[in-house]
Amino acid sequence: QVWVVQSGGGSVQPGESLTLSCKPSGFLVEDSAIGWFRQAPGKEREGIACSSNDNSPTFYEELVKGRFTISRVNAENTMSLQMNNLGISDTATYYCNRSPVPTLPWGPGTQVIVSS
């Protein structure tokens, strides 16, 4: 079986930062293209960042480019998403999955709430 365990998230004020973590089970981060998706209330789930396991540049959706950064720690088989300068529009449930095509079953995700 293959799944991911996520951690991080929470409630913050606009302008603050959060870090999400994703630890896959059943596959290695270093061997996989993986990324982050999010689903805001009342909206479709969307891909926001995708990190390939080759030398391709990491893809960031325009609304998060420059604020969000994917990092891989192969030795710990984890991937993280550093989110800076969060805005109210970043409020969503965040998911990690294979990317760009999410082939794993969706888990519960990690909730991020940005409010003043």
PDB file of N, CA and C in Angstrom:
ATOM      1  N   GLN A   1       0.836  -1.198   0.000  1.00  0.00           N
ATOM      2  CA  GLN A   1       0.000   0.000   0.000  1.00  0.00           C
ATOM      3  C   GLN A   1       0.865   1.239   0.000  1.00  0.00           C
ATOM      4  N   VAL A   2       0.337   2.269  -0.630  1.00  0.00           N
ATOM      5  CA  VAL A   2       1.064   3.524  -0.737  1.00  0.00           C
ATOM      6  C   VAL A   2       0.179   4.638  -0.203  1.00  0.00           C
ATOM      7  N   TRP A   3       0.718   5.425   0.667  1.00  0.00           N
ATOM      8  CA  TRP A   3      -0.039   6.570   1.165  1.00  0.00           C
ATOM      9  C   TRP A   3       0.935   7.643   1.641  1.00  0.00           C
ATOM     10  N   VAL A   4       0.392   8.772   2.063  1.00  0.00           N
ATOM     11  CA  VAL A   4       1.230   9.846   2.597  1.00  0.00           C
ATOM     12  C   VAL A   4       0.667  10.273   3.943  1.00  0.00           C
ATOM     13  N   VAL A   5       1.571  10.731   4.801  1.00  0.00           N
ATOM     14  CA  VAL A   5       1.187  11.294   6.088  1.00  0.00           C
ATOM     15  C   VAL A   5       1.575  12.760   6.072  1.00  0.00           C
ATOM     16  N   GLN A   6       0.618  13.604   6.338  1.00  0.00           N
ATOM     17  CA  GLN A   6       0.870  15.032   6.318  1.00  0.00           C
ATOM     18  C   GLN A   6       0.865  15.613   7.728  1.00  0.00           C
ATOM     19  N   SER A   7       1.588  16.694   7.899  1.00  0.00           N
ATOM     20  CA  SER A   7       1.586  17.415   9.171  1.00  0.00           C
ATOM     21  C   SER A   7       1.786  18.893   8.894  1.00  0.00           C
ATOM     22  N   GLY A   8       1.590  19.681   9.921  1.00  0.00           N
ATOM     23  CA  GLY A   8       1.712  21.123   9.785  1.00  0.00           C
ATOM     24  C   GLY A   8       0.342  21.748   9.638  1.00  0.00           C
ATOM     25  N   GLY A   9       0.294  22.924   9.129  1.00  0.00           N
ATOM     26  CA  GLY A   9      -0.968  23.609   8.943  1.00  0.00           C
ATOM     27  C   GLY A   9      -1.418  24.295  10.217  1.00  0.00           C
ATOM     28  N   GLY A  10      -2.593  24.882  10.157  1.00  0.00           N
ATOM     29  CA  GLY A  10      -3.134  25.576  11.314  1.00  0.00           C
ATOM     30  C   GLY A  10      -3.762  26.892  10.916  1.00  0.00           C
ATOM     31  N   SER A  11      -3.944  27.746  11.913  1.00  0.00           N
ATOM     32  CA  SER A  11      -4.555  29.057  11.700  1.00  0.00           C
ATOM     33  C   SER A  11      -3.530  30.153  11.920  1.00  0.00           C
ATOM     34  N   VAL A  12      -3.437  31.064  10.959  1.00  0.00           N
ATOM     35  CA  VAL A  12      -2.487  32.163  11.060  1.00  0.00           C
ATOM     36  C   VAL A  12      -3.156  33.442  10.578  1.00  0.00           C
ATOM     37  N   GLN A  13      -2.476  34.543  10.805  1.00  0.00           N
ATOM     38  CA  GLN A  13      -2.948  35.831  10.313  1.00  0.00           C
ATOM     39  C   GLN A  13      -2.290  36.143   8.977  1.00  0.00           C
ATOM     40  N   PRO A  14      -2.890  37.015   8.196  1.00  0.00           N
ATOM     41  CA  PRO A  14      -2.282  37.397   6.917  1.00  0.00           C
ATOM     42  C   PRO A  14      -0.851  37.896   7.108  1.00  0.00           C
ATOM     43  N   GLY A  15       0.014  37.469   6.202  1.00  0.00           N
ATOM     44  CA  GLY A  15       1.415  37.864   6.265  1.00  0.00           C
ATOM     45  C   GLY A  15       2.302  36.884   7.003  1.00  0.00           C
ATOM     46  N   GLU A  16       1.692  35.970   7.738  1.00  0.00           N
ATOM     47  CA  GLU A  16       2.483  34.993   8.492  1.00  0.00           C
ATOM     48  C   GLU A  16       2.862  33.796   7.609  1.00  0.00           C
ATOM     49  N   SER A  17       3.622  32.885   8.206  1.00  0.00           N
ATOM     50  CA  SER A  17       4.146  31.735   7.464  1.00  0.00           C
ATOM     51  C   SER A  17       3.728  30.419   8.115  1.00  0.00           C
ATOM     52  N   LEU A  18       3.723  29.384   7.318  1.00  0.00           N
ATOM     53  CA  LEU A  18       3.476  28.024   7.792  1.00  0.00           C
ATOM     54  C   LEU A  18       4.303  27.067   6.962  1.00  0.00           C
ATOM     55  N   THR A  19       4.613  25.917   7.546  1.00  0.00           N
ATOM     56  CA  THR A  19       5.297  24.859   6.810  1.00  0.00           C
ATOM     57  C   THR A  19       4.487  23.582   6.910  1.00  0.00           C
ATOM     58  N   LEU A  20       4.209  22.995   5.766  1.00  0.00           N
ATOM     59  CA  LEU A  20       3.529  21.712   5.702  1.00  0.00           C
ATOM     60  C   LEU A  20       4.554  20.629   5.399  1.00  0.00           C
ATOM     61  N   SER A  21       4.332  19.454   5.939  1.00  0.00           N
ATOM     62  CA  SER A  21       5.236  18.338   5.706  1.00  0.00           C
ATOM     63  C   SER A  21       4.464  17.143   5.175  1.00  0.00           C
ATOM     64  N   CYS A  22       5.119  16.379   4.327  1.00  0.00           N
ATOM     65  CA  CYS A  22       4.504  15.203   3.720  1.00  0.00           C
ATOM     66  C   CYS A  22       5.510  14.061   3.768  1.00  0.00           C
ATOM     67  N   LYS A  23       5.105  12.937   4.320  1.00  0.00           N
ATOM     68  CA  LYS A  23       5.991  11.772   4.406  1.00  0.00           C
ATOM     69  C   LYS A  23       5.315  10.593   3.743  1.00  0.00           C
ATOM     70  N   PRO A  24       5.777  10.220   2.555  1.00  0.00           N
ATOM     71  CA  PRO A  24       5.167   9.095   1.867  1.00  0.00           C
ATOM     72  C   PRO A  24       5.541   7.763   2.513  1.00  0.00           C
ATOM     73  N   SER A  25       4.685   6.818   2.308  1.00  0.00           N
ATOM     74  CA  SER A  25       4.963   5.444   2.693  1.00  0.00           C
ATOM     75  C   SER A  25       4.705   4.575   1.485  1.00  0.00           C
ATOM     76  N   GLY A  26       5.680   3.755   1.135  1.00  0.00           N
ATOM     77  CA  GLY A  26       5.499   2.901  -0.024  1.00  0.00           C
ATOM     78  C   GLY A  26       6.238   3.374  -1.251  1.00  0.00           C
ATOM     79  N   PHE A  27       6.795   4.554  -1.196  1.00  0.00           N
ATOM     80  CA  PHE A  27       7.642   5.008  -2.287  1.00  0.00           C
ATOM     81  C   PHE A  27       8.612   6.054  -1.748  1.00  0.00           C
ATOM     82  N   LEU A  28       9.658   6.280  -2.507  1.00  0.00           N
ATOM     83  CA  LEU A  28      10.699   7.202  -2.086  1.00  0.00           C
ATOM     84  C   LEU A  28      10.523   8.565  -2.740  1.00  0.00           C
ATOM     85  N   VAL A  29      10.655   9.587  -1.940  1.00  0.00           N
ATOM     86  CA  VAL A  29      10.573  10.952  -2.447  1.00  0.00           C
ATOM     87  C   VAL A  29      11.607  11.173  -3.537  1.00  0.00           C
ATOM     88  N   GLU A  30      12.800  10.617  -3.344  1.00  0.00           N
ATOM     89  CA  GLU A  30      13.886  10.882  -4.291  1.00  0.00           C
ATOM     90  C   GLU A  30      13.625  10.232  -5.648  1.00  0.00           C
ATOM     91  N   ASP A  31      12.736   9.269  -5.705  1.00  0.00           N
ATOM     92  CA  ASP A  31      12.434   8.580  -6.953  1.00  0.00           C
ATOM     93  C   ASP A  31      11.164   9.089  -7.618  1.00  0.00           C
ATOM     94  N   SER A  32      10.534  10.107  -7.047  1.00  0.00           N
ATOM     95  CA  SER A  32       9.183  10.462  -7.482  1.00  0.00           C
ATOM     96  C   SER A  32       9.030  11.939  -7.782  1.00  0.00           C
ATOM     97  N   ALA A  33       8.163  12.201  -8.730  1.00  0.00           N
ATOM     98  CA  ALA A  33       7.681  13.569  -8.931  1.00  0.00           C
ATOM     99  C   ALA A  33       6.489  13.748  -8.002  1.00  0.00           C
ATOM    100  N   ILE A  34       6.597  14.690  -7.101  1.00  0.00           N
ATOM    101  CA  ILE A  34       5.550  14.888  -6.101  1.00  0.00           C
ATOM    102  C   ILE A  34       5.233  16.369  -5.999  1.00  0.00           C
ATOM    103  N   GLY A  35       4.070  16.651  -5.473  1.00  0.00           N
ATOM    104  CA  GLY A  35       3.681  18.046  -5.404  1.00  0.00           C
ATOM    105  C   GLY A  35       2.599  18.293  -4.391  1.00  0.00           C
ATOM    106  N   TRP A  36       2.148  19.539  -4.369  1.00  0.00           N
ATOM    107  CA  TRP A  36       1.114  19.972  -3.450  1.00  0.00           C
ATOM    108  C   TRP A  36      -0.104  20.464  -4.216  1.00  0.00           C
ATOM    109  N   PHE A  37      -1.238  20.130  -3.684  1.00  0.00           N
ATOM    110  CA  PHE A  37      -2.519  20.539  -4.223  1.00  0.00           C
ATOM    111  C   PHE A  37      -3.296  21.204  -3.099  1.00  0.00           C
ATOM    112  N   ARG A  38      -4.294  21.988  -3.462  1.00  0.00           N
ATOM    113  CA  ARG A  38      -5.124  22.568  -2.418  1.00  0.00           C
ATOM    114  C   ARG A  38      -6.555  22.717  -2.912  1.00  0.00           C
ATOM    115  N   GLN A  39      -7.472  22.708  -1.971  1.00  0.00           N
ATOM    116  CA  GLN A  39      -8.883  22.899  -2.289  1.00  0.00           C
ATOM    117  C   GLN A  39      -9.443  23.928  -1.334  1.00  0.00           C
ATOM    118  N   ALA A  40      -9.768  25.081  -1.875  1.00  0.00           N
ATOM    119  CA  ALA A  40     -10.370  26.137  -1.079  1.00  0.00           C
ATOM    120  C   ALA A  40     -11.865  25.859  -0.922  1.00  0.00           C
ATOM    121  N   PRO A  41     -12.488  26.394   0.098  1.00  0.00           N
ATOM    122  CA  PRO A  41     -13.924  26.172   0.303  1.00  0.00           C
ATOM    123  C   PRO A  41     -14.729  26.563  -0.924  1.00  0.00           C
ATOM    124  N   GLY A  42     -15.541  25.646  -1.387  1.00  0.00           N
ATOM    125  CA  GLY A  42     -16.403  25.922  -2.530  1.00  0.00           C
ATOM    126  C   GLY A  42     -15.713  25.891  -3.880  1.00  0.00           C
ATOM    127  N   LYS A  43     -14.455  25.469  -3.914  1.00  0.00           N
ATOM    128  CA  LYS A  43     -13.721  25.456  -5.179  1.00  0.00           C
ATOM    129  C   LYS A  43     -13.187  24.067  -5.490  1.00  0.00           C
ATOM    130  N   GLU A  44     -12.765  23.894  -6.735  1.00  0.00           N
ATOM    131  CA  GLU A  44     -12.166  22.645  -7.152  1.00  0.00           C
ATOM    132  C   GLU A  44     -10.749  22.529  -6.591  1.00  0.00           C
ATOM    133  N   ARG A  45     -10.288  21.290  -6.425  1.00  0.00           N
ATOM    134  CA  ARG A  45      -8.908  21.077  -6.017  1.00  0.00           C
ATOM    135  C   ARG A  45      -7.991  21.464  -7.171  1.00  0.00           C
ATOM    136  N   GLU A  46      -6.876  22.095  -6.847  1.00  0.00           N
ATOM    137  CA  GLU A  46      -5.954  22.550  -7.879  1.00  0.00           C
ATOM    138  C   GLU A  46      -4.523  22.218  -7.475  1.00  0.00           C
ATOM    139  N   GLY A  47      -3.693  21.987  -8.463  1.00  0.00           N
ATOM    140  CA  GLY A  47      -2.276  21.796  -8.204  1.00  0.00           C
ATOM    141  C   GLY A  47      -1.603  23.135  -8.053  1.00  0.00           C
ATOM    142  N   ILE A  48      -0.744  23.276  -7.050  1.00  0.00           N
ATOM    143  CA  ILE A  48      -0.077  24.550  -6.840  1.00  0.00           C
ATOM    144  C   ILE A  48       1.437  24.459  -6.955  1.00  0.00           C
ATOM    145  N   ALA A  49       1.991  23.279  -6.815  1.00  0.00           N
ATOM    146  CA  ALA A  49       3.440  23.150  -6.914  1.00  0.00           C
ATOM    147  C   ALA A  49       3.786  21.710  -7.239  1.00  0.00           C
ATOM    148  N   CYS A  50       4.781  21.538  -8.092  1.00  0.00           N
ATOM    149  CA  CYS A  50       5.173  20.194  -8.497  1.00  0.00           C
ATOM    150  C   CYS A  50       6.685  20.128  -8.590  1.00  0.00           C
ATOM    151  N   SER A  51       7.269  19.157  -7.901  1.00  0.00           N
ATOM    152  CA  SER A  51       8.714  18.976  -7.890  1.00  0.00           C
ATOM    153  C   SER A  51       9.067  17.660  -8.554  1.00  0.00           C
ATOM    154  N   SER A  52       9.835  17.726  -9.616  1.00  0.00           N
ATOM    155  CA  SER A  52      10.254  16.523 -10.323  1.00  0.00           C
ATOM    156  C   SER A  52      11.482  15.912  -9.657  1.00  0.00           C
ATOM    157  N   ASN A  53      11.720  14.657  -9.938  1.00  0.00           N
ATOM    158  CA  ASN A  53      12.875  13.973  -9.365  1.00  0.00           C
ATOM    159  C   ASN A  53      14.053  13.975 -10.346  1.00  0.00           C
ATOM    160  N   ASP A  54      13.954  14.843 -11.349  1.00  0.00           N
ATOM    161  CA  ASP A  54      15.094  15.030 -12.238  1.00  0.00           C
ATOM    162  C   ASP A  54      15.544  16.484 -12.069  1.00  0.00           C
ATOM    163  N   ASN A  55      16.163  17.028 -13.028  1.00  0.00           N
ATOM    164  CA  ASN A  55      16.671  18.395 -12.895  1.00  0.00           C
ATOM    165  C   ASN A  55      15.713  19.447 -13.426  1.00  0.00           C
ATOM    166  N   SER A  56      14.482  19.052 -13.668  1.00  0.00           N
ATOM    167  CA  SER A  56      13.511  20.025 -14.160  1.00  0.00           C
ATOM    168  C   SER A  56      13.193  21.050 -13.078  1.00  0.00           C
ATOM    169  N   PRO A  57      12.960  22.283 -13.475  1.00  0.00           N
ATOM    170  CA  PRO A  57      12.592  23.305 -12.481  1.00  0.00           C
ATOM    171  C   PRO A  57      11.287  22.944 -11.785  1.00  0.00           C
ATOM    172  N   THR A  58      11.198  23.286 -10.530  1.00  0.00           N
ATOM    173  CA  THR A  58       9.956  23.085  -9.806  1.00  0.00           C
ATOM    174  C   THR A  58       8.894  24.027 -10.354  1.00  0.00           C
ATOM    175  N   PHE A  59       7.715  23.474 -10.554  1.00  0.00           N
ATOM    176  CA  PHE A  59       6.602  24.293 -11.054  1.00  0.00           C
ATOM    177  C   PHE A  59       5.837  24.881  -9.880  1.00  0.00           C
ATOM    178  N   TYR A  60       5.516  26.159  -9.977  1.00  0.00           N
ATOM    179  CA  TYR A  60       4.657  26.818  -8.998  1.00  0.00           C
ATOM    180  C   TYR A  60       3.535  27.530  -9.730  1.00  0.00           C
ATOM    181  N   GLU A  61       2.335  27.326  -9.273  1.00  0.00           N
ATOM    182  CA  GLU A  61       1.197  28.044  -9.821  1.00  0.00           C
ATOM    183  C   GLU A  61       1.385  29.530  -9.551  1.00  0.00           C
ATOM    184  N   GLU A  62       0.910  30.353 -10.462  1.00  0.00           N
ATOM    185  CA  GLU A  62       1.209  31.778 -10.426  1.00  0.00           C
ATOM    186  C   GLU A  62       0.868  32.446  -9.098  1.00  0.00           C
ATOM    187  N   LEU A  63      -0.233  32.066  -8.499  1.00  0.00           N
ATOM    188  CA  LEU A  63      -0.669  32.737  -7.272  1.00  0.00           C
ATOM    189  C   LEU A  63       0.232  32.453  -6.073  1.00  0.00           C
ATOM    190  N   VAL A  64       1.054  31.396  -6.152  1.00  0.00           N
ATOM    191  CA  VAL A  64       1.927  31.074  -5.018  1.00  0.00           C
ATOM    192  C   VAL A  64       3.397  31.278  -5.342  1.00  0.00           C
ATOM    193  N   LYS A  65       3.694  31.548  -6.593  1.00  0.00           N
ATOM    194  CA  LYS A  65       5.083  31.696  -7.012  1.00  0.00           C
ATOM    195  C   LYS A  65       5.741  32.834  -6.238  1.00  0.00           C
ATOM    196  N   GLY A  66       6.932  32.574  -5.722  1.00  0.00           N
ATOM    197  CA  GLY A  66       7.645  33.584  -4.955  1.00  0.00           C
ATOM    198  C   GLY A  66       7.317  33.567  -3.473  1.00  0.00           C
ATOM    199  N   ARG A  67       6.231  32.889  -3.105  1.00  0.00           N
ATOM    200  CA  ARG A  67       5.849  32.821  -1.686  1.00  0.00           C
ATOM    201  C   ARG A  67       5.967  31.410  -1.125  1.00  0.00           C
ATOM    202  N   PHE A  68       5.736  30.412  -1.965  1.00  0.00           N
ATOM    203  CA  PHE A  68       5.767  29.022  -1.524  1.00  0.00           C
ATOM    204  C   PHE A  68       7.013  28.351  -2.084  1.00  0.00           C
ATOM    205  N   THR A  69       7.603  27.445  -1.302  1.00  0.00           N
ATOM    206  CA  THR A  69       8.799  26.730  -1.732  1.00  0.00           C
ATOM    207  C   THR A  69       8.717  25.272  -1.312  1.00  0.00           C
ATOM    208  N   ILE A  70       8.931  24.374  -2.285  1.00  0.00           N
ATOM    209  CA  ILE A  70       9.004  22.940  -1.994  1.00  0.00           C
ATOM    210  C   ILE A  70      10.436  22.591  -1.631  1.00  0.00           C
ATOM    211  N   SER A  71      10.588  21.749  -0.625  1.00  0.00           N
ATOM    212  CA  SER A  71      11.896  21.212  -0.274  1.00  0.00           C
ATOM    213  C   SER A  71      11.775  19.707  -0.083  1.00  0.00           C
ATOM    214  N   ARG A  72      12.828  19.005  -0.461  1.00  0.00           N
ATOM    215  CA  ARG A  72      12.875  17.551  -0.265  1.00  0.00           C
ATOM    216  C   ARG A  72      13.999  17.232   0.714  1.00  0.00           C
ATOM    217  N   VAL A  73      13.743  16.320   1.622  1.00  0.00           N
ATOM    218  CA  VAL A  73      14.802  15.794   2.487  1.00  0.00           C
ATOM    219  C   VAL A  73      14.824  14.291   2.223  1.00  0.00           C
ATOM    220  N   ASN A  74      15.631  13.893   1.258  1.00  0.00           N
ATOM    221  CA  ASN A  74      15.638  12.495   0.827  1.00  0.00           C
ATOM    222  C   ASN A  74      16.018  11.552   1.965  1.00  0.00           C
ATOM    223  N   ALA A  75      16.951  11.972   2.807  1.00  0.00           N
ATOM    224  CA  ALA A  75      17.391  11.100   3.895  1.00  0.00           C
ATOM    225  C   ALA A  75      16.249  10.771   4.853  1.00  0.00           C
ATOM    226  N   GLU A  76      15.271  11.658   4.955  1.00  0.00           N
ATOM    227  CA  GLU A  76      14.119  11.426   5.831  1.00  0.00           C
ATOM    228  C   GLU A  76      12.887  11.021   5.040  1.00  0.00           C
ATOM    229  N   ASN A  77      13.037  10.946   3.716  1.00  0.00           N
ATOM    230  CA  ASN A  77      11.921  10.629   2.823  1.00  0.00           C
ATOM    231  C   ASN A  77      10.729  11.548   3.088  1.00  0.00           C
ATOM    232  N   THR A  78      11.000  12.828   3.158  1.00  0.00           N
ATOM    233  CA  THR A  78       9.930  13.793   3.380  1.00  0.00           C
ATOM    234  C   THR A  78      10.010  14.924   2.364  1.00  0.00           C
ATOM    235  N   MET A  79       8.900  15.580   2.200  1.00  0.00           N
ATOM    236  CA  MET A  79       8.804  16.761   1.362  1.00  0.00           C
ATOM    237  C   MET A  79       8.058  17.819   2.159  1.00  0.00           C
ATOM    238  N   SER A  80       8.480  19.054   2.026  1.00  0.00           N
ATOM    239  CA  SER A  80       7.801  20.109   2.764  1.00  0.00           C
ATOM    240  C   SER A  80       7.388  21.229   1.823  1.00  0.00           C
ATOM    241  N   LEU A  81       6.457  22.022   2.295  1.00  0.00           N
ATOM    242  CA  LEU A  81       6.012  23.205   1.561  1.00  0.00           C
ATOM    243  C   LEU A  81       6.102  24.382   2.518  1.00  0.00           C
ATOM    244  N   GLN A  82       7.068  25.252   2.297  1.00  0.00           N
ATOM    245  CA  GLN A  82       7.206  26.461   3.089  1.00  0.00           C
ATOM    246  C   GLN A  82       6.322  27.531   2.464  1.00  0.00           C
ATOM    247  N   MET A  83       5.407  28.073   3.250  1.00  0.00           N
ATOM    248  CA  MET A  83       4.458  29.059   2.747  1.00  0.00           C
ATOM    249  C   MET A  83       4.674  30.373   3.493  1.00  0.00           C
ATOM    250  N   ASN A  84       5.091  31.368   2.762  1.00  0.00           N
ATOM    251  CA  ASN A  84       5.348  32.679   3.356  1.00  0.00           C
ATOM    252  C   ASN A  84       4.326  33.702   2.878  1.00  0.00           C
ATOM    253  N   ASN A  85       4.196  34.760   3.655  1.00  0.00           N
ATOM    254  CA  ASN A  85       3.301  35.864   3.303  1.00  0.00           C
ATOM    255  C   ASN A  85       1.916  35.338   2.916  1.00  0.00           C
ATOM    256  N   LEU A  86       1.364  34.536   3.789  1.00  0.00           N
ATOM    257  CA  LEU A  86       0.062  33.932   3.514  1.00  0.00           C
ATOM    258  C   LEU A  86      -1.019  34.985   3.472  1.00  0.00           C
ATOM    259  N   GLY A  87      -1.961  34.777   2.579  1.00  0.00           N
ATOM    260  CA  GLY A  87      -3.113  35.658   2.449  1.00  0.00           C
ATOM    261  C   GLY A  87      -4.402  34.892   2.676  1.00  0.00           C
ATOM    262  N   ILE A  88      -5.468  35.632   2.832  1.00  0.00           N
ATOM    263  CA  ILE A  88      -6.765  35.009   3.095  1.00  0.00           C
ATOM    264  C   ILE A  88      -7.141  34.033   1.991  1.00  0.00           C
ATOM    265  N   SER A  89      -6.740  34.336   0.765  1.00  0.00           N
ATOM    266  CA  SER A  89      -7.068  33.464  -0.367  1.00  0.00           C
ATOM    267  C   SER A  89      -6.296  32.151  -0.346  1.00  0.00           C
ATOM    268  N   ASP A  90      -5.322  32.020   0.552  1.00  0.00           N
ATOM    269  CA  ASP A  90      -4.583  30.766   0.700  1.00  0.00           C
ATOM    270  C   ASP A  90      -5.308  29.794   1.628  1.00  0.00           C
ATOM    271  N   THR A  91      -6.395  30.232   2.223  1.00  0.00           N
ATOM    272  CA  THR A  91      -7.184  29.350   3.078  1.00  0.00           C
ATOM    273  C   THR A  91      -7.698  28.186   2.253  1.00  0.00           C
ATOM    274  N   ALA A  92      -7.346  26.976   2.682  1.00  0.00           N
ATOM    275  CA  ALA A  92      -7.705  25.778   1.918  1.00  0.00           C
ATOM    276  C   ALA A  92      -7.249  24.549   2.684  1.00  0.00           C
ATOM    277  N   THR A  93      -7.679  23.399   2.182  1.00  0.00           N
ATOM    278  CA  THR A  93      -7.116  22.134   2.630  1.00  0.00           C
ATOM    279  C   THR A  93      -6.032  21.751   1.645  1.00  0.00           C
ATOM    280  N   TYR A  94      -4.861  21.443   2.151  1.00  0.00           N
ATOM    281  CA  TYR A  94      -3.701  21.165   1.328  1.00  0.00           C
ATOM    282  C   TYR A  94      -3.391  19.667   1.333  1.00  0.00           C
ATOM    283  N   TYR A  95      -3.008  19.171   0.173  1.00  0.00           N
ATOM    284  CA  TYR A  95      -2.725  17.753  -0.008  1.00  0.00           C
ATOM    285  C   TYR A  95      -1.389  17.582  -0.722  1.00  0.00           C
ATOM    286  N   CYS A  96      -0.654  16.560  -0.363  1.00  0.00           N
ATOM    287  CA  CYS A  96       0.492  16.180  -1.193  1.00  0.00           C
ATOM    288  C   CYS A  96       0.136  14.901  -1.936  1.00  0.00           C
ATOM    289  N   ASN A  97       0.726  14.723  -3.075  1.00  0.00           N
ATOM    290  CA  ASN A  97       0.413  13.578  -3.911  1.00  0.00           C
ATOM    291  C   ASN A  97       1.474  13.498  -5.000  1.00  0.00           C
ATOM    292  N   ARG A  98       1.481  12.425  -5.730  1.00  0.00           N
ATOM    293  CA  ARG A  98       2.317  12.378  -6.918  1.00  0.00           C
ATOM    294  C   ARG A  98       1.864  13.524  -7.833  1.00  0.00           C
ATOM    295  N   SER A  99       2.781  13.971  -8.630  1.00  0.00           N
ATOM    296  CA  SER A  99       2.503  15.144  -9.447  1.00  0.00           C
ATOM    297  C   SER A  99       3.245  15.017 -10.772  1.00  0.00           C
ATOM    298  N   PRO A 100       2.758  15.597 -11.859  1.00  0.00           N
ATOM    299  CA  PRO A 100       1.574  16.444 -11.912  1.00  0.00           C
ATOM    300  C   PRO A 100       0.252  15.682 -11.887  1.00  0.00           C
ATOM    301  N   VAL A 101       0.304  14.379 -12.154  1.00  0.00           N
ATOM    302  CA  VAL A 101      -0.932  13.596 -12.092  1.00  0.00           C
ATOM    303  C   VAL A 101      -1.019  12.931 -10.717  1.00  0.00           C
ATOM    304  N   PRO A 102      -1.999  13.300  -9.931  1.00  0.00           N
ATOM    305  CA  PRO A 102      -2.109  12.732  -8.586  1.00  0.00           C
ATOM    306  C   PRO A 102      -2.686  11.321  -8.632  1.00  0.00           C
ATOM    307  N   THR A 103      -1.847  10.327  -8.430  1.00  0.00           N
ATOM    308  CA  THR A 103      -2.279   8.943  -8.589  1.00  0.00           C
ATOM    309  C   THR A 103      -2.592   8.251  -7.271  1.00  0.00           C
ATOM    310  N   LEU A 104      -2.230   8.867  -6.161  1.00  0.00           N
ATOM    311  CA  LEU A 104      -2.524   8.254  -4.872  1.00  0.00           C
ATOM    312  C   LEU A 104      -3.942   8.603  -4.427  1.00  0.00           C
ATOM    313  N   PRO A 105      -4.553   7.750  -3.619  1.00  0.00           N
ATOM    314  CA  PRO A 105      -5.854   8.110  -3.047  1.00  0.00           C
ATOM    315  C   PRO A 105      -5.712   9.384  -2.213  1.00  0.00           C
ATOM    316  N   TRP A 106      -6.710  10.243  -2.273  1.00  0.00           N
ATOM    317  CA  TRP A 106      -6.641  11.475  -1.498  1.00  0.00           C
ATOM    318  C   TRP A 106      -6.879  11.172  -0.017  1.00  0.00           C
ATOM    319  N   GLY A 107      -6.012  11.701   0.812  1.00  0.00           N
ATOM    320  CA  GLY A 107      -6.187  11.588   2.252  1.00  0.00           C
ATOM    321  C   GLY A 107      -6.997  12.770   2.767  1.00  0.00           C
ATOM    322  N   PRO A 108      -7.009  12.966   4.068  1.00  0.00           N
ATOM    323  CA  PRO A 108      -7.794  14.059   4.645  1.00  0.00           C
ATOM    324  C   PRO A 108      -7.170  15.431   4.409  1.00  0.00           C
ATOM    325  N   GLY A 109      -5.883  15.478   4.040  1.00  0.00           N
ATOM    326  CA  GLY A 109      -5.232  16.751   3.818  1.00  0.00           C
ATOM    327  C   GLY A 109      -4.901  17.473   5.110  1.00  0.00           C
ATOM    328  N   THR A 110      -4.401  18.673   4.952  1.00  0.00           N
ATOM    329  CA  THR A 110      -4.017  19.514   6.080  1.00  0.00           C
ATOM    330  C   THR A 110      -4.693  20.866   5.911  1.00  0.00           C
ATOM    331  N   GLN A 111      -5.395  21.297   6.927  1.00  0.00           N
ATOM    332  CA  GLN A 111      -6.137  22.540   6.806  1.00  0.00           C
ATOM    333  C   GLN A 111      -5.253  23.742   7.139  1.00  0.00           C
ATOM    334  N   VAL A 112      -5.372  24.753   6.306  1.00  0.00           N
ATOM    335  CA  VAL A 112      -4.688  26.033   6.528  1.00  0.00           C
ATOM    336  C   VAL A 112      -5.753  27.116   6.519  1.00  0.00           C
ATOM    337  N   ILE A 113      -5.818  27.866   7.591  1.00  0.00           N
ATOM    338  CA  ILE A 113      -6.787  28.955   7.693  1.00  0.00           C
ATOM    339  C   ILE A 113      -6.034  30.254   7.907  1.00  0.00           C
ATOM    340  N   VAL A 114      -6.275  31.193   7.023  1.00  0.00           N
ATOM    341  CA  VAL A 114      -5.645  32.511   7.129  1.00  0.00           C
ATOM    342  C   VAL A 114      -6.752  33.536   7.352  1.00  0.00           C
ATOM    343  N   SER A 115      -6.721  34.154   8.506  1.00  0.00           N
ATOM    344  CA  SER A 115      -7.767  35.134   8.813  1.00  0.00           C
ATOM    345  C   SER A 115      -7.222  36.185   9.758  1.00  0.00           C
ATOM    346  N   SER A 116      -7.836  37.361   9.693  1.00  0.00           N
ATOM    347  CA  SER A 116      -7.420  38.440  10.574  1.00  0.00           C
ATOM    348  C   SER A 116      -8.355  38.546  11.771  1.00  0.00           C
TER     349      SER A 116
END
